[in-house]
Amino acid sequence: MPNHLSAKKRVRQNDKRRERNKANLTLMKTQIKKVQTAIDEKKHDDIDELLKLAQATIARTKRKGVIHKNTMARRISRLTKAVNKSKLAPQK
């Protein structure tokens, strides 16, 4: 337990930030899962809209400083690649 006033304040700030970061990460992961579910269920009419929303959410999470820029790029790239691959699969 912190004894100094500044240390107590620091604990409060860290708790707030941890909760905020956790909420942002949870939202991002939920959006990614929605896209992956749409890919698995082959819902091609909804998939573009879900991908766009997921990309925006991932970028927003990076802007807030929760994830690194390379992590953002990797997640967006993998999602886009998976969506493009699923669009090509039914045409074969």
N, C-alpha and C. Protein backbone atom coordinates (compact mmCIF):
# COMPACT_ATOMS: atom_id res chain seq x y z
N MET A 1 0.84 -1.19 0.00
CA MET A 1 0.00 0.00 0.00
C MET A 1 0.88 1.24 0.00
N PRO A 2 0.55 2.19 -0.83
CA PRO A 2 1.35 3.42 -0.86
C PRO A 2 1.06 4.30 0.35
N ASN A 3 2.10 4.96 0.81
CA ASN A 3 1.95 5.84 1.97
C ASN A 3 1.91 7.31 1.58
N HIS A 4 2.64 7.67 0.54
CA HIS A 4 2.70 9.07 0.12
C HIS A 4 1.46 9.43 -0.69
N LEU A 5 1.08 10.67 -0.60
CA LEU A 5 -0.09 11.16 -1.31
C LEU A 5 0.07 10.99 -2.82
N SER A 6 1.28 11.30 -3.31
CA SER A 6 1.52 11.19 -4.75
C SER A 6 1.45 9.73 -5.22
N ALA A 7 1.90 8.82 -4.37
CA ALA A 7 1.85 7.40 -4.73
C ALA A 7 0.41 6.90 -4.73
N LYS A 8 -0.40 7.40 -3.83
CA LYS A 8 -1.83 7.03 -3.81
C LYS A 8 -2.53 7.51 -5.07
N LYS A 9 -2.19 8.74 -5.46
CA LYS A 9 -2.77 9.29 -6.68
C LYS A 9 -2.34 8.46 -7.90
N ARG A 10 -1.08 8.06 -7.91
CA ARG A 10 -0.54 7.26 -9.00
C ARG A 10 -1.31 5.95 -9.13
N VAL A 11 -1.63 5.32 -8.00
CA VAL A 11 -2.39 4.07 -8.01
C VAL A 11 -3.77 4.30 -8.61
N ARG A 12 -4.41 5.40 -8.23
CA ARG A 12 -5.73 5.72 -8.78
C ARG A 12 -5.66 5.94 -10.28
N GLN A 13 -4.65 6.67 -10.72
CA GLN A 13 -4.49 6.93 -12.16
C GLN A 13 -4.24 5.64 -12.94
N ASN A 14 -3.38 4.79 -12.37
CA ASN A 14 -3.08 3.52 -13.04
C ASN A 14 -4.32 2.65 -13.15
N ASP A 15 -5.14 2.64 -12.11
CA ASP A 15 -6.37 1.85 -12.15
C ASP A 15 -7.31 2.35 -13.24
N LYS A 16 -7.46 3.67 -13.33
CA LYS A 16 -8.32 4.25 -14.37
C LYS A 16 -7.82 3.89 -15.75
N ARG A 17 -6.50 4.04 -15.96
CA ARG A 17 -5.92 3.77 -17.28
C ARG A 17 -6.02 2.29 -17.64
N ARG A 18 -5.82 1.42 -16.66
CA ARG A 18 -5.91 -0.01 -16.92
C ARG A 18 -7.32 -0.39 -17.35
N GLU A 19 -8.32 0.17 -16.68
CA GLU A 19 -9.71 -0.10 -17.04
C GLU A 19 -10.03 0.42 -18.44
N ARG A 20 -9.55 1.61 -18.74
CA ARG A 20 -9.79 2.21 -20.05
C ARG A 20 -9.13 1.39 -21.15
N ASN A 21 -7.86 0.99 -20.91
CA ASN A 21 -7.14 0.19 -21.90
C ASN A 21 -7.81 -1.17 -22.09
N LYS A 22 -8.27 -1.76 -21.00
CA LYS A 22 -8.93 -3.04 -21.06
C LYS A 22 -10.21 -2.95 -21.90
N ALA A 23 -10.97 -1.88 -21.72
CA ALA A 23 -12.20 -1.68 -22.49
C ALA A 23 -11.88 -1.54 -23.98
N ASN A 24 -10.84 -0.78 -24.30
CA ASN A 24 -10.46 -0.59 -25.70
C ASN A 24 -10.00 -1.90 -26.33
N LEU A 25 -9.20 -2.67 -25.60
CA LEU A 25 -8.73 -3.96 -26.12
C LEU A 25 -9.90 -4.92 -26.32
N THR A 26 -10.82 -4.95 -25.39
CA THR A 26 -11.98 -5.83 -25.49
C THR A 26 -12.81 -5.48 -26.71
N LEU A 27 -13.05 -4.19 -26.92
CA LEU A 27 -13.82 -3.76 -28.08
C LEU A 27 -13.12 -4.18 -29.38
N MET A 28 -11.80 -3.97 -29.43
CA MET A 28 -11.04 -4.33 -30.62
C MET A 28 -11.14 -5.83 -30.90
N LYS A 29 -10.95 -6.64 -29.86
CA LYS A 29 -11.01 -8.09 -30.04
C LYS A 29 -12.40 -8.54 -30.47
N THR A 30 -13.43 -7.89 -29.96
CA THR A 30 -14.80 -8.23 -30.33
C THR A 30 -15.04 -7.96 -31.81
N GLN A 31 -14.55 -6.81 -32.29
CA GLN A 31 -14.72 -6.47 -33.71
C GLN A 31 -13.98 -7.47 -34.60
N ILE A 32 -12.79 -7.89 -34.17
CA ILE A 32 -12.02 -8.86 -34.94
C ILE A 32 -12.77 -10.19 -34.99
N LYS A 33 -13.32 -10.60 -33.87
CA LYS A 33 -14.05 -11.87 -33.82
C LYS A 33 -15.30 -11.83 -34.69
N LYS A 34 -15.95 -10.67 -34.78
CA LYS A 34 -17.13 -10.55 -35.64
C LYS A 34 -16.76 -10.78 -37.10
N VAL A 35 -15.61 -10.23 -37.51
CA VAL A 35 -15.15 -10.42 -38.89
C VAL A 35 -14.82 -11.90 -39.11
N GLN A 36 -14.12 -12.50 -38.16
CA GLN A 36 -13.75 -13.91 -38.31
C GLN A 36 -14.98 -14.82 -38.35
N THR A 37 -15.99 -14.48 -37.57
CA THR A 37 -17.23 -15.25 -37.58
C THR A 37 -17.93 -15.11 -38.94
N ALA A 38 -17.93 -13.90 -39.48
CA ALA A 38 -18.54 -13.68 -40.79
C ALA A 38 -17.79 -14.46 -41.87
N ILE A 39 -16.47 -14.56 -41.73
CA ILE A 39 -15.68 -15.34 -42.69
C ILE A 39 -16.06 -16.81 -42.59
N ASP A 40 -16.16 -17.32 -41.35
CA ASP A 40 -16.48 -18.74 -41.15
C ASP A 40 -17.88 -19.08 -41.65
N GLU A 41 -18.81 -18.15 -41.48
CA GLU A 41 -20.19 -18.40 -41.89
C GLU A 41 -20.45 -17.97 -43.33
N LYS A 42 -19.42 -17.46 -43.98
CA LYS A 42 -19.48 -17.04 -45.39
C LYS A 42 -20.57 -16.01 -45.66
N LYS A 43 -20.64 -15.01 -44.79
CA LYS A 43 -21.59 -13.90 -44.97
C LYS A 43 -20.87 -12.78 -45.72
N HIS A 44 -20.81 -12.91 -47.03
CA HIS A 44 -20.02 -11.97 -47.82
C HIS A 44 -20.67 -10.60 -47.98
N ASP A 45 -21.97 -10.51 -47.76
CA ASP A 45 -22.63 -9.21 -47.89
C ASP A 45 -22.31 -8.31 -46.68
N ASP A 46 -22.10 -8.90 -45.50
CA ASP A 46 -21.81 -8.11 -44.29
C ASP A 46 -20.33 -7.91 -44.07
N ILE A 47 -19.52 -8.70 -44.72
CA ILE A 47 -18.11 -8.78 -44.35
C ILE A 47 -17.33 -7.49 -44.62
N ASP A 48 -17.67 -6.78 -45.70
CA ASP A 48 -16.94 -5.55 -46.01
C ASP A 48 -17.20 -4.47 -44.96
N GLU A 49 -18.44 -4.37 -44.55
CA GLU A 49 -18.78 -3.38 -43.52
C GLU A 49 -18.13 -3.72 -42.19
N LEU A 50 -18.14 -5.01 -41.83
CA LEU A 50 -17.51 -5.44 -40.58
C LEU A 50 -16.00 -5.23 -40.61
N LEU A 51 -15.38 -5.48 -41.77
CA LEU A 51 -13.94 -5.28 -41.90
C LEU A 51 -13.59 -3.80 -41.73
N LYS A 52 -14.36 -2.95 -42.36
CA LYS A 52 -14.10 -1.51 -42.26
C LYS A 52 -14.22 -1.04 -40.81
N LEU A 53 -15.24 -1.52 -40.12
CA LEU A 53 -15.44 -1.17 -38.72
C LEU A 53 -14.31 -1.70 -37.85
N ALA A 54 -13.86 -2.92 -38.12
CA ALA A 54 -12.76 -3.52 -37.35
C ALA A 54 -11.46 -2.76 -37.58
N GLN A 55 -11.20 -2.37 -38.82
CA GLN A 55 -9.98 -1.62 -39.11
C GLN A 55 -9.99 -0.27 -38.39
N ALA A 56 -11.13 0.38 -38.36
CA ALA A 56 -11.23 1.66 -37.66
C ALA A 56 -11.01 1.48 -36.16
N THR A 57 -11.56 0.41 -35.62
CA THR A 57 -11.42 0.15 -34.19
C THR A 57 -9.97 -0.16 -33.83
N ILE A 58 -9.30 -0.94 -34.66
CA ILE A 58 -7.89 -1.26 -34.42
C ILE A 58 -7.04 0.00 -34.49
N ALA A 59 -7.31 0.85 -35.48
CA ALA A 59 -6.55 2.10 -35.61
C ALA A 59 -6.81 3.03 -34.42
N ARG A 60 -8.04 3.05 -33.95
CA ARG A 60 -8.39 3.89 -32.80
C ARG A 60 -7.67 3.39 -31.54
N THR A 61 -7.58 2.09 -31.40
CA THR A 61 -6.89 1.50 -30.25
C THR A 61 -5.41 1.87 -30.28
N LYS A 62 -4.83 1.90 -31.47
CA LYS A 62 -3.42 2.31 -31.60
C LYS A 62 -3.26 3.79 -31.27
N ARG A 63 -4.19 4.62 -31.77
CA ARG A 63 -4.12 6.06 -31.51
C ARG A 63 -4.17 6.38 -30.02
N LYS A 64 -4.90 5.58 -29.28
CA LYS A 64 -5.02 5.79 -27.84
C LYS A 64 -3.81 5.27 -27.09
N GLY A 65 -2.89 4.60 -27.80
CA GLY A 65 -1.66 4.15 -27.18
C GLY A 65 -1.76 2.81 -26.49
N VAL A 66 -2.81 2.05 -26.79
CA VAL A 66 -3.00 0.75 -26.13
C VAL A 66 -2.16 -0.32 -26.81
N ILE A 67 -2.04 -0.25 -28.14
CA ILE A 67 -1.23 -1.22 -28.87
C ILE A 67 -0.17 -0.49 -29.68
N HIS A 68 0.85 -1.21 -30.09
CA HIS A 68 1.94 -0.67 -30.89
C HIS A 68 1.51 -0.54 -32.35
N LYS A 69 2.16 0.35 -33.09
CA LYS A 69 1.77 0.56 -34.49
C LYS A 69 2.00 -0.67 -35.34
N ASN A 70 3.03 -1.45 -35.06
CA ASN A 70 3.27 -2.68 -35.83
C ASN A 70 2.20 -3.73 -35.53
N THR A 71 1.73 -3.75 -34.29
CA THR A 71 0.66 -4.66 -33.93
C THR A 71 -0.60 -4.29 -34.70
N MET A 72 -0.88 -3.00 -34.79
CA MET A 72 -2.03 -2.52 -35.55
C MET A 72 -1.93 -2.97 -37.01
N ALA A 73 -0.77 -2.73 -37.60
CA ALA A 73 -0.56 -3.07 -39.01
C ALA A 73 -0.71 -4.57 -39.23
N ARG A 74 -0.16 -5.37 -38.34
CA ARG A 74 -0.22 -6.82 -38.47
C ARG A 74 -1.65 -7.32 -38.38
N ARG A 75 -2.41 -6.82 -37.42
CA ARG A 75 -3.79 -7.27 -37.24
C ARG A 75 -4.66 -6.88 -38.42
N ILE A 76 -4.51 -5.65 -38.90
CA ILE A 76 -5.29 -5.19 -40.05
C ILE A 76 -4.91 -6.00 -41.29
N SER A 77 -3.63 -6.24 -41.46
CA SER A 77 -3.16 -6.99 -42.63
C SER A 77 -3.72 -8.41 -42.63
N ARG A 78 -3.65 -9.07 -41.49
CA ARG A 78 -4.13 -10.45 -41.42
C ARG A 78 -5.63 -10.54 -41.63
N LEU A 79 -6.36 -9.56 -41.07
CA LEU A 79 -7.82 -9.57 -41.26
C LEU A 79 -8.17 -9.36 -42.73
N THR A 80 -7.54 -8.38 -43.35
CA THR A 80 -7.82 -8.07 -44.75
C THR A 80 -7.48 -9.26 -45.64
N LYS A 81 -6.35 -9.89 -45.34
CA LYS A 81 -5.92 -11.05 -46.11
C LYS A 81 -6.93 -12.20 -45.98
N ALA A 82 -7.42 -12.42 -44.78
CA ALA A 82 -8.40 -13.49 -44.55
C ALA A 82 -9.71 -13.20 -45.28
N VAL A 83 -10.14 -11.93 -45.26
CA VAL A 83 -11.38 -11.55 -45.93
C VAL A 83 -11.23 -11.75 -47.44
N ASN A 84 -10.12 -11.30 -48.00
CA ASN A 84 -9.89 -11.45 -49.44
C ASN A 84 -9.83 -12.93 -49.85
N LYS A 85 -9.21 -13.73 -49.00
CA LYS A 85 -9.11 -15.16 -49.30
C LYS A 85 -10.50 -15.81 -49.27
N SER A 86 -11.34 -15.39 -48.32
CA SER A 86 -12.68 -15.98 -48.22
C SER A 86 -13.56 -15.54 -49.39
N LYS A 87 -13.31 -14.37 -49.92
CA LYS A 87 -14.10 -13.91 -51.08
C LYS A 87 -13.76 -14.69 -52.33
N LEU A 88 -12.50 -15.10 -52.45
CA LEU A 88 -12.07 -15.84 -53.63
C LEU A 88 -12.49 -17.31 -53.58
N ALA A 89 -12.59 -17.86 -52.39
CA ALA A 89 -12.87 -19.29 -52.24
C ALA A 89 -14.17 -19.76 -52.92
N PRO A 90 -15.31 -19.07 -52.79
CA PRO A 90 -16.54 -19.58 -53.39
C PRO A 90 -16.53 -19.52 -54.92
N GLN A 91 -15.68 -18.68 -55.51
CA GLN A 91 -15.69 -18.51 -56.96
C GLN A 91 -14.99 -19.65 -57.69
N LYS A 92 -14.24 -20.48 -56.98
CA LYS A 92 -13.48 -21.56 -57.63
C LYS A 92 -14.36 -22.69 -58.09
